[in-house]
PDB file of N, CA and C in Angstrom:
ATOM      1  N   MET A   1      -4.464  -5.221  10.393  1.00  0.00           N
ATOM      2  CA  MET A   1      -3.468  -6.268  10.448  1.00  0.00           C
ATOM      3  C   MET A   1      -2.842  -6.518   9.074  1.00  0.00           C
ATOM      4  N   GLU A   2      -3.685  -6.446   8.056  1.00  0.00           N
ATOM      5  CA  GLU A   2      -3.181  -6.669   6.710  1.00  0.00           C
ATOM      6  C   GLU A   2      -2.140  -5.609   6.344  1.00  0.00           C
ATOM      7  N   LEU A   3      -2.404  -4.367   6.716  1.00  0.00           N
ATOM      8  CA  LEU A   3      -1.447  -3.290   6.466  1.00  0.00           C
ATOM      9  C   LEU A   3      -0.130  -3.584   7.170  1.00  0.00           C
ATOM     10  N   ARG A   4      -0.206  -3.976   8.431  1.00  0.00           N
ATOM     11  CA  ARG A   4       0.999  -4.316   9.200  1.00  0.00           C
ATOM     12  C   ARG A   4       1.755  -5.470   8.542  1.00  0.00           C
ATOM     13  N   ASP A   5       1.022  -6.513   8.150  1.00  0.00           N
ATOM     14  CA  ASP A   5       1.664  -7.670   7.521  1.00  0.00           C
ATOM     15  C   ASP A   5       2.356  -7.285   6.215  1.00  0.00           C
ATOM     16  N   ASN A   6       1.706  -6.452   5.415  1.00  0.00           N
ATOM     17  CA  ASN A   6       2.315  -6.011   4.163  1.00  0.00           C
ATOM     18  C   ASN A   6       3.553  -5.159   4.410  1.00  0.00           C
ATOM     19  N   LEU A   7       3.503  -4.290   5.409  1.00  0.00           N
ATOM     20  CA  LEU A   7       4.683  -3.490   5.744  1.00  0.00           C
ATOM     21  C   LEU A   7       5.826  -4.382   6.231  1.00  0.00           C
ATOM     22  N   ASN A   8       5.500  -5.405   6.992  1.00  0.00           N
ATOM     23  CA  ASN A   8       6.528  -6.360   7.434  1.00  0.00           C
ATOM     24  C   ASN A   8       7.138  -7.107   6.253  1.00  0.00           C
ATOM     25  N   LEU A   9       6.329  -7.414   5.251  1.00  0.00           N
ATOM     26  CA  LEU A   9       6.856  -8.053   4.040  1.00  0.00           C
ATOM     27  C   LEU A   9       7.884  -7.150   3.362  1.00  0.00           C
ATOM     28  N   PHE A  10       7.558  -5.874   3.268  1.00  0.00           N
ATOM     29  CA  PHE A  10       8.501  -4.934   2.668  1.00  0.00           C
ATOM     30  C   PHE A  10       9.793  -4.871   3.475  1.00  0.00           C
ATOM     31  N   ARG A  11       9.674  -4.836   4.784  1.00  0.00           N
ATOM     32  CA  ARG A  11      10.860  -4.790   5.637  1.00  0.00           C
ATOM     33  C   ARG A  11      11.751  -6.008   5.376  1.00  0.00           C
ATOM     34  N   GLU A  12      11.131  -7.176   5.315  1.00  0.00           N
ATOM     35  CA  GLU A  12      11.879  -8.407   5.031  1.00  0.00           C
ATOM     36  C   GLU A  12      12.481  -8.378   3.627  1.00  0.00           C
ATOM     37  N   ALA A  13      11.698  -7.886   2.670  1.00  0.00           N
ATOM     38  CA  ALA A  13      12.169  -7.851   1.282  1.00  0.00           C
ATOM     39  C   ALA A  13      13.369  -6.927   1.119  1.00  0.00           C
ATOM     40  N   TYR A  14      13.419  -5.852   1.873  1.00  0.00           N
ATOM     41  CA  TYR A  14      14.558  -4.938   1.784  1.00  0.00           C
ATOM     42  C   TYR A  14      15.792  -5.496   2.471  1.00  0.00           C
ATOM     43  N   SER A  15      15.598  -6.357   3.453  1.00  0.00           N
ATOM     44  CA  SER A  15      16.759  -6.921   4.141  1.00  0.00           C
ATOM     45  C   SER A  15      17.282  -8.184   3.470  1.00  0.00           C
ATOM     46  N   LYS A  16      16.416  -8.866   2.750  1.00  0.00           N
ATOM     47  CA  LYS A  16      16.809 -10.083   2.026  1.00  0.00           C
ATOM     48  C   LYS A  16      16.390  -9.923   0.573  1.00  0.00           C
ATOM     49  N   PRO A  17      17.307 -10.068  -0.334  1.00  0.00           N
ATOM     50  CA  PRO A  17      16.936  -9.875  -1.732  1.00  0.00           C
ATOM     51  C   PRO A  17      15.938 -10.935  -2.215  1.00  0.00           C
ATOM     52  N   ILE A  18      14.747 -10.460  -2.609  1.00  0.00           N
ATOM     53  CA  ILE A  18      13.759 -11.338  -3.233  1.00  0.00           C
ATOM     54  C   ILE A  18      13.278 -10.664  -4.509  1.00  0.00           C
ATOM     55  N   THR A  19      12.675 -11.420  -5.366  1.00  0.00           N
ATOM     56  CA  THR A  19      12.204 -10.856  -6.629  1.00  0.00           C
ATOM     57  C   THR A  19      10.905 -10.086  -6.418  1.00  0.00           C
ATOM     58  N   PHE A  20      10.637  -9.170  -7.346  1.00  0.00           N
ATOM     59  CA  PHE A  20       9.368  -8.449  -7.318  1.00  0.00           C
ATOM     60  C   PHE A  20       8.205  -9.424  -7.428  1.00  0.00           C
ATOM     61  N   ASP A  21       8.385 -10.447  -8.238  1.00  0.00           N
ATOM     62  CA  ASP A  21       7.332 -11.447  -8.426  1.00  0.00           C
ATOM     63  C   ASP A  21       6.949 -12.089  -7.101  1.00  0.00           C
ATOM     64  N   HIS A  22       7.951 -12.456  -6.337  1.00  0.00           N
ATOM     65  CA  HIS A  22       7.691 -13.110  -5.052  1.00  0.00           C
ATOM     66  C   HIS A  22       7.029 -12.133  -4.067  1.00  0.00           C
ATOM     67  N   LEU A  23       7.498 -10.902  -4.034  1.00  0.00           N
ATOM     68  CA  LEU A  23       6.919  -9.895  -3.158  1.00  0.00           C
ATOM     69  C   LEU A  23       5.450  -9.658  -3.497  1.00  0.00           C
ATOM     70  N   VAL A  24       5.143  -9.498  -4.771  1.00  0.00           N
ATOM     71  CA  VAL A  24       3.761  -9.244  -5.189  1.00  0.00           C
ATOM     72  C   VAL A  24       2.869 -10.439  -4.862  1.00  0.00           C
ATOM     73  N   ASP A  25       3.409 -11.641  -4.999  1.00  0.00           N
ATOM     74  CA  ASP A  25       2.629 -12.831  -4.638  1.00  0.00           C
ATOM     75  C   ASP A  25       2.249 -12.825  -3.159  1.00  0.00           C
ATOM     76  N   LEU A  26       3.132 -12.295  -2.328  1.00  0.00           N
ATOM     77  CA  LEU A  26       2.904 -12.314  -0.883  1.00  0.00           C
ATOM     78  C   LEU A  26       2.053 -11.151  -0.372  1.00  0.00           C
ATOM     79  N   LEU A  27       1.987 -10.050  -1.129  1.00  0.00           N
ATOM     80  CA  LEU A  27       1.165  -8.922  -0.704  1.00  0.00           C
ATOM     81  C   LEU A  27      -0.306  -9.317  -0.705  1.00  0.00           C
ATOM     82  N   SER A  28      -1.028  -8.821   0.286  1.00  0.00           N
ATOM     83  CA  SER A  28      -2.433  -9.191   0.424  1.00  0.00           C
ATOM     84  C   SER A  28      -3.332  -7.966   0.459  1.00  0.00           C
ATOM     85  N   ASN A  29      -4.465  -8.066  -0.199  1.00  0.00           N
ATOM     86  CA  ASN A  29      -5.506  -7.047  -0.106  1.00  0.00           C
ATOM     87  C   ASN A  29      -6.872  -7.697   0.121  1.00  0.00           C
ATOM     88  N   ASP A  30      -6.866  -8.948   0.556  1.00  0.00           N
ATOM     89  CA  ASP A  30      -8.114  -9.684   0.771  1.00  0.00           C
ATOM     90  C   ASP A  30      -8.974  -9.073   1.872  1.00  0.00           C
ATOM     91  N   ALA A  31      -8.370  -8.669   2.971  1.00  0.00           N
ATOM     92  CA  ALA A  31      -9.141  -8.101   4.082  1.00  0.00           C
ATOM     93  C   ALA A  31      -9.834  -6.815   3.643  1.00  0.00           C
ATOM     94  N   PHE A  32      -9.134  -6.006   2.859  1.00  0.00           N
ATOM     95  CA  PHE A  32      -9.720  -4.776   2.357  1.00  0.00           C
ATOM     96  C   PHE A  32     -10.937  -5.091   1.481  1.00  0.00           C
ATOM     97  N   ARG A  33     -10.776  -6.019   0.588  1.00  0.00           N
ATOM     98  CA  ARG A  33     -11.883  -6.370  -0.317  1.00  0.00           C
ATOM     99  C   ARG A  33     -13.064  -6.989   0.435  1.00  0.00           C
ATOM    100  N   ASN A  34     -12.780  -7.788   1.441  1.00  0.00           N
ATOM    101  CA  ASN A  34     -13.851  -8.348   2.262  1.00  0.00           C
ATOM    102  C   ASN A  34     -14.567  -7.256   3.053  1.00  0.00           C
ATOM    103  N   ALA A  35     -13.819  -6.285   3.535  1.00  0.00           N
ATOM    104  CA  ALA A  35     -14.420  -5.183   4.286  1.00  0.00           C
ATOM    105  C   ALA A  35     -15.365  -4.376   3.394  1.00  0.00           C
ATOM    106  N   ILE A  36     -14.991  -4.198   2.143  1.00  0.00           N
ATOM    107  CA  ILE A  36     -15.862  -3.488   1.201  1.00  0.00           C
ATOM    108  C   ILE A  36     -17.162  -4.268   1.010  1.00  0.00           C
ATOM    109  N   LYS A  37     -17.052  -5.584   0.858  1.00  0.00           N
ATOM    110  CA  LYS A  37     -18.258  -6.419   0.696  1.00  0.00           C
ATOM    111  C   LYS A  37     -19.180  -6.305   1.905  1.00  0.00           C
ATOM    112  N   GLU A  38     -18.594  -6.103   3.085  1.00  0.00           N
ATOM    113  CA  GLU A  38     -19.368  -5.991   4.328  1.00  0.00           C
ATOM    114  C   GLU A  38     -19.786  -4.552   4.632  1.00  0.00           C
ATOM    115  N   ASN A  39     -19.547  -3.648   3.661  1.00  0.00           N
ATOM    116  CA  ASN A  39     -19.904  -2.228   3.807  1.00  0.00           C
ATOM    117  C   ASN A  39     -19.212  -1.554   4.999  1.00  0.00           C
ATOM    118  N   PHE A  40     -17.973  -1.950   5.256  1.00  0.00           N
ATOM    119  CA  PHE A  40     -17.203  -1.326   6.335  1.00  0.00           C
ATOM    120  C   PHE A  40     -16.925   0.134   5.981  1.00  0.00           C
ATOM    121  N   ASN A  41     -17.068   1.015   6.948  1.00  0.00           N
ATOM    122  CA  ASN A  41     -16.779   2.434   6.768  1.00  0.00           C
ATOM    123  C   ASN A  41     -15.311   2.672   7.136  1.00  0.00           C
ATOM    124  N   PHE A  42     -14.471   2.864   6.144  1.00  0.00           N
ATOM    125  CA  PHE A  42     -13.034   3.024   6.372  1.00  0.00           C
ATOM    126  C   PHE A  42     -12.682   4.316   7.100  1.00  0.00           C
ATOM    127  N   LYS A  43     -13.618   5.233   7.175  1.00  0.00           N
ATOM    128  CA  LYS A  43     -13.365   6.453   7.943  1.00  0.00           C
ATOM    129  C   LYS A  43     -13.281   6.139   9.438  1.00  0.00           C
ATOM    130  N   LYS A  44     -13.776   4.967   9.833  1.00  0.00           N
ATOM    131  CA  LYS A  44     -13.696   4.563  11.239  1.00  0.00           C
ATOM    132  C   LYS A  44     -12.270   4.182  11.632  1.00  0.00           C
ATOM    133  N   ILE A  45     -11.457   3.818  10.664  1.00  0.00           N
ATOM    134  CA  ILE A  45     -10.063   3.469  10.961  1.00  0.00           C
ATOM    135  C   ILE A  45      -9.374   4.652  11.620  1.00  0.00           C
ATOM    136  N   LYS A  46      -9.564   5.800  11.024  1.00  0.00           N
ATOM    137  CA  LYS A  46      -9.012   7.042  11.566  1.00  0.00           C
ATOM    138  C   LYS A  46      -9.854   8.187  10.994  1.00  0.00           C
ATOM    139  N   PRO A  47     -10.635   8.833  11.849  1.00  0.00           N
ATOM    140  CA  PRO A  47     -11.433   9.954  11.346  1.00  0.00           C
ATOM    141  C   PRO A  47     -10.540  11.134  10.973  1.00  0.00           C
ATOM    142  N   GLY A  48     -11.060  11.982  10.135  1.00  0.00           N
ATOM    143  CA  GLY A  48     -10.330  13.185   9.752  1.00  0.00           C
ATOM    144  C   GLY A  48      -9.523  12.982   8.488  1.00  0.00           C
ATOM    145  N   LYS A  49      -8.676  13.942   8.248  1.00  0.00           N
ATOM    146  CA  LYS A  49      -7.868  13.944   7.032  1.00  0.00           C
ATOM    147  C   LYS A  49      -6.385  13.964   7.378  1.00  0.00           C
ATOM    148  N   ILE A  50      -5.609  13.520   6.433  1.00  0.00           N
ATOM    149  CA  ILE A  50      -4.157  13.537   6.589  1.00  0.00           C
ATOM    150  C   ILE A  50      -3.702  14.993   6.570  1.00  0.00           C
ATOM    151  N   ARG A  51      -2.979  15.362   7.596  1.00  0.00           N
ATOM    152  CA  ARG A  51      -2.445  16.726   7.725  1.00  0.00           C
ATOM    153  C   ARG A  51      -0.925  16.683   7.567  1.00  0.00           C
ATOM    154  N   LYS A  52      -0.367  17.847   7.422  1.00  0.00           N
ATOM    155  CA  LYS A  52       1.072  17.938   7.160  1.00  0.00           C
ATOM    156  C   LYS A  52       1.904  17.252   8.251  1.00  0.00           C
ATOM    157  N   HIS A  53       1.473  17.309   9.504  1.00  0.00           N
ATOM    158  CA  HIS A  53       2.265  16.696  10.568  1.00  0.00           C
ATOM    159  C   HIS A  53       2.218  15.159  10.524  1.00  0.00           C
ATOM    160  N   HIS A  54       1.295  14.592   9.778  1.00  0.00           N
ATOM    161  CA  HIS A  54       1.247  13.141   9.602  1.00  0.00           C
ATOM    162  C   HIS A  54       2.268  12.669   8.559  1.00  0.00           C
ATOM    163  N   ILE A  55       2.669  13.563   7.690  1.00  0.00           N
ATOM    164  CA  ILE A  55       3.509  13.211   6.539  1.00  0.00           C
ATOM    165  C   ILE A  55       4.980  13.339   6.920  1.00  0.00           C
ATOM    166  N   LYS A  56       5.663  12.208   6.905  1.00  0.00           N
ATOM    167  CA  LYS A  56       7.078  12.177   7.279  1.00  0.00           C
ATOM    168  C   LYS A  56       8.002  12.114   6.061  1.00  0.00           C
ATOM    169  N   ASP A  57       7.449  11.769   4.915  1.00  0.00           N
ATOM    170  CA  ASP A  57       8.226  11.675   3.681  1.00  0.00           C
ATOM    171  C   ASP A  57       7.671  12.687   2.680  1.00  0.00           C
ATOM    172  N   GLU A  58       8.535  13.534   2.163  1.00  0.00           N
ATOM    173  CA  GLU A  58       8.112  14.606   1.270  1.00  0.00           C
ATOM    174  C   GLU A  58       7.326  14.092   0.063  1.00  0.00           C
ATOM    175  N   ARG A  59       7.645  12.916  -0.397  1.00  0.00           N
ATOM    176  CA  ARG A  59       6.963  12.375  -1.572  1.00  0.00           C
ATOM    177  C   ARG A  59       5.477  12.135  -1.308  1.00  0.00           C
ATOM    178  N   ASN A  60       5.077  12.100  -0.034  1.00  0.00           N
ATOM    179  CA  ASN A  60       3.673  11.870   0.312  1.00  0.00           C
ATOM    180  C   ASN A  60       2.866  13.155   0.478  1.00  0.00           C
ATOM    181  N   LEU A  61       3.455  14.300   0.199  1.00  0.00           N
ATOM    182  CA  LEU A  61       2.726  15.557   0.332  1.00  0.00           C
ATOM    183  C   LEU A  61       1.494  15.605  -0.582  1.00  0.00           C
ATOM    184  N   ARG A  62       1.509  14.862  -1.651  1.00  0.00           N
ATOM    185  CA  ARG A  62       0.358  14.860  -2.562  1.00  0.00           C
ATOM    186  C   ARG A  62      -0.889  14.248  -1.911  1.00  0.00           C
ATOM    187  N   TYR A  63      -0.708  13.569  -0.767  1.00  0.00           N
ATOM    188  CA  TYR A  63      -1.852  12.951  -0.084  1.00  0.00           C
ATOM    189  C   TYR A  63      -2.399  13.833   1.030  1.00  0.00           C
ATOM    190  N   LEU A  64      -1.928  15.053   1.109  1.00  0.00           N
ATOM    191  CA  LEU A  64      -2.428  16.012   2.081  1.00  0.00           C
ATOM    192  C   LEU A  64      -3.937  16.182   1.892  1.00  0.00           C
ATOM    193  N   ASP A  65      -4.673  16.141   2.984  1.00  0.00           N
ATOM    194  CA  ASP A  65      -6.140  16.281   3.014  1.00  0.00           C
ATOM    195  C   ASP A  65      -6.900  15.054   2.513  1.00  0.00           C
ATOM    196  N   TRP A  66      -6.222  13.948   2.307  1.00  0.00           N
ATOM    197  CA  TRP A  66      -6.924  12.707   1.964  1.00  0.00           C
ATOM    198  C   TRP A  66      -7.475  12.086   3.245  1.00  0.00           C
ATOM    199  N   THR A  67      -8.527  11.300   3.092  1.00  0.00           N
ATOM    200  CA  THR A  67      -9.076  10.546   4.222  1.00  0.00           C
ATOM    201  C   THR A  67      -8.456   9.156   4.230  1.00  0.00           C
ATOM    202  N   SER A  68      -8.612   8.453   5.345  1.00  0.00           N
ATOM    203  CA  SER A  68      -8.106   7.076   5.418  1.00  0.00           C
ATOM    204  C   SER A  68      -8.815   6.210   4.380  1.00  0.00           C
ATOM    205  N   GLU A  69     -10.083   6.494   4.143  1.00  0.00           N
ATOM    206  CA  GLU A  69     -10.857   5.737   3.157  1.00  0.00           C
ATOM    207  C   GLU A  69     -10.249   5.865   1.757  1.00  0.00           C
ATOM    208  N   LYS A  70      -9.918   7.080   1.363  1.00  0.00           N
ATOM    209  CA  LYS A  70      -9.356   7.316   0.032  1.00  0.00           C
ATOM    210  C   LYS A  70      -7.963   6.688  -0.107  1.00  0.00           C
ATOM    211  N   LEU A  71      -7.150   6.831   0.935  1.00  0.00           N
ATOM    212  CA  LEU A  71      -5.799   6.271   0.877  1.00  0.00           C
ATOM    213  C   LEU A  71      -5.836   4.745   0.858  1.00  0.00           C
ATOM    214  N   MET A  72      -6.699   4.141   1.663  1.00  0.00           N
ATOM    215  CA  MET A  72      -6.824   2.674   1.653  1.00  0.00           C
ATOM    216  C   MET A  72      -7.271   2.177   0.278  1.00  0.00           C
ATOM    217  N   ASP A  73      -8.177   2.908  -0.351  1.00  0.00           N
ATOM    218  CA  ASP A  73      -8.633   2.531  -1.686  1.00  0.00           C
ATOM    219  C   ASP A  73      -7.475   2.550  -2.678  1.00  0.00           C
ATOM    220  N   LYS A  74      -6.629   3.562  -2.602  1.00  0.00           N
ATOM    221  CA  LYS A  74      -5.473   3.654  -3.507  1.00  0.00           C
ATOM    222  C   LYS A  74      -4.451   2.555  -3.235  1.00  0.00           C
ATOM    223  N   ILE A  75      -4.262   2.202  -1.973  1.00  0.00           N
ATOM    224  CA  ILE A  75      -3.347   1.113  -1.629  1.00  0.00           C
ATOM    225  C   ILE A  75      -3.859  -0.191  -2.229  1.00  0.00           C
ATOM    226  N   ASP A  76      -5.144  -0.451  -2.053  1.00  0.00           N
ATOM    227  CA  ASP A  76      -5.748  -1.654  -2.635  1.00  0.00           C
ATOM    228  C   ASP A  76      -5.609  -1.647  -4.155  1.00  0.00           C
ATOM    229  N   GLU A  77      -5.879  -0.509  -4.760  1.00  0.00           N
ATOM    230  CA  GLU A  77      -5.796  -0.386  -6.218  1.00  0.00           C
ATOM    231  C   GLU A  77      -4.395  -0.721  -6.721  1.00  0.00           C
ATOM    232  N   LYS A  78      -3.376  -0.241  -6.035  1.00  0.00           N
ATOM    233  CA  LYS A  78      -1.996  -0.491  -6.470  1.00  0.00           C
ATOM    234  C   LYS A  78      -1.580  -1.943  -6.261  1.00  0.00           C
ATOM    235  N   ILE A  79      -2.003  -2.538  -5.165  1.00  0.00           N
ATOM    236  CA  ILE A  79      -1.690  -3.960  -4.960  1.00  0.00           C
ATOM    237  C   ILE A  79      -2.329  -4.785  -6.064  1.00  0.00           C
ATOM    238  N   GLN A  80      -3.594  -4.508  -6.355  1.00  0.00           N
ATOM    239  CA  GLN A  80      -4.297  -5.256  -7.389  1.00  0.00           C
ATOM    240  C   GLN A  80      -3.674  -5.015  -8.761  1.00  0.00           C
ATOM    241  N   ALA A  81      -3.270  -3.779  -9.037  1.00  0.00           N
ATOM    242  CA  ALA A  81      -2.640  -3.457 -10.324  1.00  0.00           C
ATOM    243  C   ALA A  81      -1.335  -4.238 -10.511  1.00  0.00           C
ATOM    244  N   LEU A  82      -0.542  -4.359  -9.450  1.00  0.00           N
ATOM    245  CA  LEU A  82       0.698  -5.135  -9.538  1.00  0.00           C
ATOM    246  C   LEU A  82       0.409  -6.617  -9.776  1.00  0.00           C
ATOM    247  N   LYS A  83      -0.584  -7.151  -9.085  1.00  0.00           N
ATOM    248  CA  LYS A  83      -0.960  -8.559  -9.278  1.00  0.00           C
ATOM    249  C   LYS A  83      -1.453  -8.794 -10.706  1.00  0.00           C
ATOM    250  N   ASN A  84      -2.263  -7.868 -11.219  1.00  0.00           N
ATOM    251  CA  ASN A  84      -2.775  -7.995 -12.584  1.00  0.00           C
ATOM    252  C   ASN A  84      -1.665  -7.851 -13.619  1.00  0.00           C
ATOM    253  N   ALA A  85      -0.739  -6.913 -13.402  1.00  0.00           N
ATOM    254  CA  ALA A  85       0.377  -6.725 -14.332  1.00  0.00           C
ATOM    255  C   ALA A  85       1.217  -7.996 -14.415  1.00  0.00           C
ATOM    256  N   LYS A  86       1.401  -8.644 -13.287  1.00  0.00           N
ATOM    257  CA  LYS A  86       2.168  -9.892 -13.268  1.00  0.00           C
ATOM    258  C   LYS A  86       1.467 -10.953 -14.117  1.00  0.00           C
ATOM    259  N   LYS A  87       0.173 -11.077 -13.952  1.00  0.00           N
ATOM    260  CA  LYS A  87      -0.595 -12.061 -14.737  1.00  0.00           C
ATOM    261  C   LYS A  87      -0.539 -11.739 -16.226  1.00  0.00           C
ATOM    262  N   LEU A  88      -0.650 -10.454 -16.562  1.00  0.00           N
ATOM    263  CA  LEU A  88      -0.659 -10.039 -17.965  1.00  0.00           C
ATOM    264  C   LEU A  88       0.706 -10.179 -18.631  1.00  0.00           C
ATOM    265  N   ASN A  89       1.776 -10.213 -17.848  1.00  0.00           N
ATOM    266  CA  ASN A  89       3.133 -10.344 -18.387  1.00  0.00           C
ATOM    267  C   ASN A  89       3.655 -11.760 -18.279  1.00  0.00           C
ATOM    268  N   GLY A  90       2.764 -12.720 -18.379  1.00  0.00           N
ATOM    269  CA  GLY A  90       3.194 -14.117 -18.376  1.00  0.00           C
ATOM    270  C   GLY A  90       3.684 -14.598 -17.031  1.00  0.00           C
ATOM    271  N   GLY A  91       3.223 -13.994 -15.958  1.00  0.00           N
ATOM    272  CA  GLY A  91       3.595 -14.457 -14.629  1.00  0.00           C
ATOM    273  C   GLY A  91       4.858 -13.838 -14.068  1.00  0.00           C
ATOM    274  N   SER A  92       5.379 -12.792 -14.727  1.00  0.00           N
ATOM    275  CA  SER A  92       6.612 -12.168 -14.240  1.00  0.00           C
ATOM    276  C   SER A  92       6.587 -10.667 -14.458  1.00  0.00           C
ATOM    277  N   LEU A  93       7.086  -9.947 -13.474  1.00  0.00           N
ATOM    278  CA  LEU A  93       7.206  -8.490 -13.567  1.00  0.00           C
ATOM    279  C   LEU A  93       8.611  -8.055 -13.961  1.00  0.00           C
ATOM    280  N   GLU A  94       9.515  -8.988 -14.079  1.00  0.00           N
ATOM    281  CA  GLU A  94      10.924  -8.673 -14.303  1.00  0.00           C
ATOM    282  C   GLU A  94      11.188  -7.966 -15.640  1.00  0.00           C
ATOM    283  N   LYS A  95      10.329  -8.163 -16.628  1.00  0.00           N
ATOM    284  CA  LYS A  95      10.523  -7.531 -17.940  1.00  0.00           C
ATOM    285  C   LYS A  95      10.423  -6.011 -17.864  1.00  0.00           C
ATOM    286  N   ASP A  96       9.647  -5.533 -16.920  1.00  0.00           N
ATOM    287  CA  ASP A  96       9.375  -4.107 -16.785  1.00  0.00           C
ATOM    288  C   ASP A  96       9.861  -3.612 -15.428  1.00  0.00           C
ATOM    289  N   SER A  97      11.072  -3.979 -15.074  1.00  0.00           N
ATOM    290  CA  SER A  97      11.537  -3.778 -13.697  1.00  0.00           C
ATOM    291  C   SER A  97      11.660  -2.318 -13.280  1.00  0.00           C
ATOM    292  N   GLN A  98      11.973  -1.391 -14.198  1.00  0.00           N
ATOM    293  CA  GLN A  98      12.095   0.012 -13.796  1.00  0.00           C
ATOM    294  C   GLN A  98      10.752   0.574 -13.347  1.00  0.00           C
ATOM    295  N   ARG A  99       9.711   0.342 -14.112  1.00  0.00           N
ATOM    296  CA  ARG A  99       8.377   0.829 -13.734  1.00  0.00           C
ATOM    297  C   ARG A  99       7.886   0.120 -12.481  1.00  0.00           C
ATOM    298  N   VAL A 100       8.165  -1.154 -12.380  1.00  0.00           N
ATOM    299  CA  VAL A 100       7.730  -1.936 -11.229  1.00  0.00           C
ATOM    300  C   VAL A 100       8.439  -1.460  -9.967  1.00  0.00           C
ATOM    301  N   THR A 101       9.711  -1.143 -10.062  1.00  0.00           N
ATOM    302  CA  THR A 101      10.458  -0.633  -8.915  1.00  0.00           C
ATOM    303  C   THR A 101       9.790   0.633  -8.375  1.00  0.00           C
ATOM    304  N   LEU A 102       9.432   1.539  -9.254  1.00  0.00           N
ATOM    305  CA  LEU A 102       8.778   2.774  -8.841  1.00  0.00           C
ATOM    306  C   LEU A 102       7.402   2.493  -8.238  1.00  0.00           C
ATOM    307  N   LYS A 103       6.631   1.613  -8.856  1.00  0.00           N
ATOM    308  CA  LYS A 103       5.299   1.278  -8.346  1.00  0.00           C
ATOM    309  C   LYS A 103       5.380   0.647  -6.958  1.00  0.00           C
ATOM    310  N   ILE A 104       6.310  -0.241  -6.780  1.00  0.00           N
ATOM    311  CA  ILE A 104       6.452  -0.906  -5.485  1.00  0.00           C
ATOM    312  C   ILE A 104       6.932   0.090  -4.429  1.00  0.00           C
ATOM    313  N   SER A 105       7.842   0.959  -4.792  1.00  0.00           N
ATOM    314  CA  SER A 105       8.307   1.981  -3.873  1.00  0.00           C
ATOM    315  C   SER A 105       7.155   2.911  -3.468  1.00  0.00           C
ATOM    316  N   ASN A 106       6.371   3.351  -4.434  1.00  0.00           N
ATOM    317  CA  ASN A 106       5.232   4.222  -4.134  1.00  0.00           C
ATOM    318  C   ASN A 106       4.216   3.515  -3.235  1.00  0.00           C
ATOM    319  N   LEU A 107       3.982   2.246  -3.488  1.00  0.00           N
ATOM    320  CA  LEU A 107       3.061   1.471  -2.665  1.00  0.00           C
ATOM    321  C   LEU A 107       3.565   1.415  -1.222  1.00  0.00           C
ATOM    322  N   TYR A 108       4.839   1.139  -1.050  1.00  0.00           N
ATOM    323  CA  TYR A 108       5.413   1.083   0.294  1.00  0.00           C
ATOM    324  C   TYR A 108       5.208   2.407   1.031  1.00  0.00           C
ATOM    325  N   PHE A 109       5.506   3.527   0.376  1.00  0.00           N
ATOM    326  CA  PHE A 109       5.384   4.817   1.046  1.00  0.00           C
ATOM    327  C   PHE A 109       3.932   5.184   1.329  1.00  0.00           C
ATOM    328  N   ARG A 110       3.002   4.736   0.499  1.00  0.00           N
ATOM    329  CA  ARG A 110       1.579   4.939   0.798  1.00  0.00           C
ATOM    330  C   ARG A 110       1.174   4.150   2.038  1.00  0.00           C
ATOM    331  N   MET A 111       1.614   2.906   2.099  1.00  0.00           N
ATOM    332  CA  MET A 111       1.265   2.076   3.255  1.00  0.00           C
ATOM    333  C   MET A 111       1.898   2.637   4.531  1.00  0.00           C
ATOM    334  N   LYS A 112       3.111   3.123   4.422  1.00  0.00           N
ATOM    335  CA  LYS A 112       3.790   3.714   5.572  1.00  0.00           C
ATOM    336  C   LYS A 112       3.041   4.963   6.037  1.00  0.00           C
ATOM    337  N   LEU A 113       2.592   5.789   5.101  1.00  0.00           N
ATOM    338  CA  LEU A 113       1.809   6.971   5.446  1.00  0.00           C
ATOM    339  C   LEU A 113       0.517   6.569   6.153  1.00  0.00           C
ATOM    340  N   MET A 114      -0.141   5.531   5.645  1.00  0.00           N
ATOM    341  CA  MET A 114      -1.379   5.078   6.275  1.00  0.00           C
ATOM    342  C   MET A 114      -1.119   4.645   7.712  1.00  0.00           C
ATOM    343  N   ALA A 115      -0.063   3.911   7.934  1.00  0.00           N
ATOM    344  CA  ALA A 115       0.281   3.473   9.293  1.00  0.00           C
ATOM    345  C   ALA A 115       0.620   4.675  10.176  1.00  0.00           C
ATOM    346  N   ASP A 116       1.389   5.633   9.661  1.00  0.00           N
ATOM    347  CA  ASP A 116       1.720   6.825  10.435  1.00  0.00           C
ATOM    348  C   ASP A 116       0.461   7.615  10.790  1.00  0.00           C
ATOM    349  N   PHE A 117      -0.463   7.708   9.858  1.00  0.00           N
ATOM    350  CA  PHE A 117      -1.721   8.417  10.088  1.00  0.00           C
ATOM    351  C   PHE A 117      -2.566   7.725  11.146  1.00  0.00           C
ATOM    352  N   ILE A 118      -2.693   6.417  11.044  1.00  0.00           N
ATOM    353  CA  ILE A 118      -3.497   5.662  11.991  1.00  0.00           C
ATOM    354  C   ILE A 118      -2.961   5.800  13.414  1.00  0.00           C
ATOM    355  N   TYR A 119      -1.649   5.712  13.560  1.00  0.00           N
ATOM    356  CA  TYR A 119      -1.049   5.706  14.893  1.00  0.00           C
ATOM    357  C   TYR A 119      -0.693   7.101  15.423  1.00  0.00           C
ATOM    358  N   ALA A 120      -0.969   8.137  14.652  1.00  0.00           N
ATOM    359  CA  ALA A 120      -0.665   9.499  15.111  1.00  0.00           C
ATOM    360  C   ALA A 120      -1.548   9.863  16.305  1.00  0.00           C
ATOM    361  N   LYS A 121      -0.967  10.545  17.251  1.00  0.00           N
ATOM    362  CA  LYS A 121      -1.687  10.949  18.469  1.00  0.00           C
ATOM    363  C   LYS A 121      -2.527  12.212  18.238  1.00  0.00           C
ATOM    364  N   ASP A 122      -2.279  12.888  17.136  1.00  0.00           N
ATOM    365  CA  ASP A 122      -2.942  14.153  16.801  1.00  0.00           C
ATOM    366  C   ASP A 122      -2.979  15.018  18.020  1.00  0.00           C
TER     367      ASP A 122
END
């Protein structure tokens, strides 16, 4: 659900101009972190590895043969990195907008790949 909610945030953010700061504030990784505390096995989300037919965007080819566990970990890592960068930059990401734009774009495409992988009929 958290993945779906975050993807919906991106959809809204692309249709209505909002700041990176506001988007990062709204992104959530709490469920992921709670699942780790509860020793959840992320391979249960979708067994197997990401194959070429799961990848719809060429930029995601680097995730070929990754597991859902590894990809979810990277998604969490990037969300947390954006939140931390905001705190370290005095509460704003706007000073470093070019790097932030790329990071946010990469995060979106990772989350989209995860959703495509989960819902693939294989």
